[in-house]
Protein backbone atom coordinates (compact mmCIF):
# COMPACT_ATOMS: atom_id res chain seq x y z
CA MET A 1 107.55 74.39 -3.69
CA SER A 2 110.89 76.17 -3.73
CA TYR A 3 111.42 79.91 -3.41
CA ASP A 4 112.55 80.11 -7.05
CA GLU A 5 109.48 78.22 -8.26
CA LYS A 6 107.22 80.65 -6.40
CA ARG A 7 109.03 83.61 -7.99
CA ILE A 8 108.60 82.12 -11.46
CA LEU A 9 104.89 81.54 -10.91
CA GLN A 10 104.49 85.12 -9.75
CA ILE A 11 106.27 86.49 -12.83
CA PHE A 12 104.11 84.49 -15.24
CA GLU A 13 100.92 84.87 -13.17
CA THR A 14 100.09 81.19 -13.53
CA ASN A 15 99.65 78.07 -11.40
CA GLU A 16 102.19 76.01 -13.36
CA ILE A 17 105.71 76.82 -14.46
CA PRO A 18 105.56 77.30 -18.23
CA THR A 19 107.86 75.55 -20.65
CA VAL A 20 110.63 77.60 -22.23
CA SER A 21 109.50 79.09 -25.53
CA ASP A 22 109.95 82.28 -27.51
CA GLU A 23 106.77 83.61 -25.89
CA THR A 24 107.81 82.85 -22.31
CA LEU A 25 111.30 84.25 -22.91
CA GLU A 26 109.74 87.49 -24.18
CA ILE A 27 107.57 87.70 -21.06
CA TYR A 28 110.58 87.11 -18.84
CA ILE A 29 112.85 89.66 -20.55
CA GLU A 30 110.12 92.29 -20.29
CA TYR A 31 109.79 91.49 -16.59
CA ILE A 32 113.55 91.90 -16.15
CA LYS A 33 113.60 95.20 -18.08
CA LYS A 34 110.84 96.61 -15.87
CA ASN A 35 112.18 95.35 -12.55
CA ILE A 36 115.97 95.39 -12.61
CA ILE A 37 117.66 98.27 -10.85
CA CYS A 38 121.12 99.11 -12.18
CA PRO A 39 123.81 98.87 -11.15
CA CYS A 40 123.18 95.41 -9.78
CA VAL A 41 125.13 92.33 -8.75
CA LEU A 42 124.39 89.23 -10.82
CA THR A 43 125.05 85.78 -9.43
CA GLY A 44 124.81 82.24 -10.72
CA ILE A 45 125.65 78.67 -9.87
CA GLU A 46 128.97 77.68 -11.45
CA SER A 47 128.37 73.93 -11.07
CA MET A 48 125.28 74.27 -13.29
CA GLY A 49 127.40 75.64 -16.14
CA TYR A 50 126.12 79.22 -16.05
CA PHE A 51 129.67 80.51 -16.46
CA SER A 52 131.01 78.08 -19.05
CA TRP A 53 131.68 81.05 -21.38
CA GLU A 54 133.75 82.90 -18.78
CA GLU A 55 137.03 81.02 -19.11
CA ARG A 56 137.48 81.69 -22.83
CA TYR A 57 136.95 85.41 -22.25
CA SER A 58 139.25 85.55 -19.25
CA PHE A 59 142.06 83.32 -20.53
CA GLY A 60 141.39 82.44 -24.16
CA TYR A 61 140.60 83.97 -27.51
CA GLY A 62 137.73 86.07 -26.16
CA ASN A 63 140.00 88.36 -24.10
CA LYS A 64 141.43 90.15 -27.15
């Protein structure tokens, strides 16, 4: 089991990673609200498409 999978199980207090649903998203956002310390540095994996929105805001119509 990967480190990320263990973290997810801990957040949801379950033995299996739940499917994405409105309910699980609500649980996760509440976890983030309670546990994030601002300011913070956010990271992601570009090859997975997490930043596909970034280019249009940096170079395209979104930068206006």
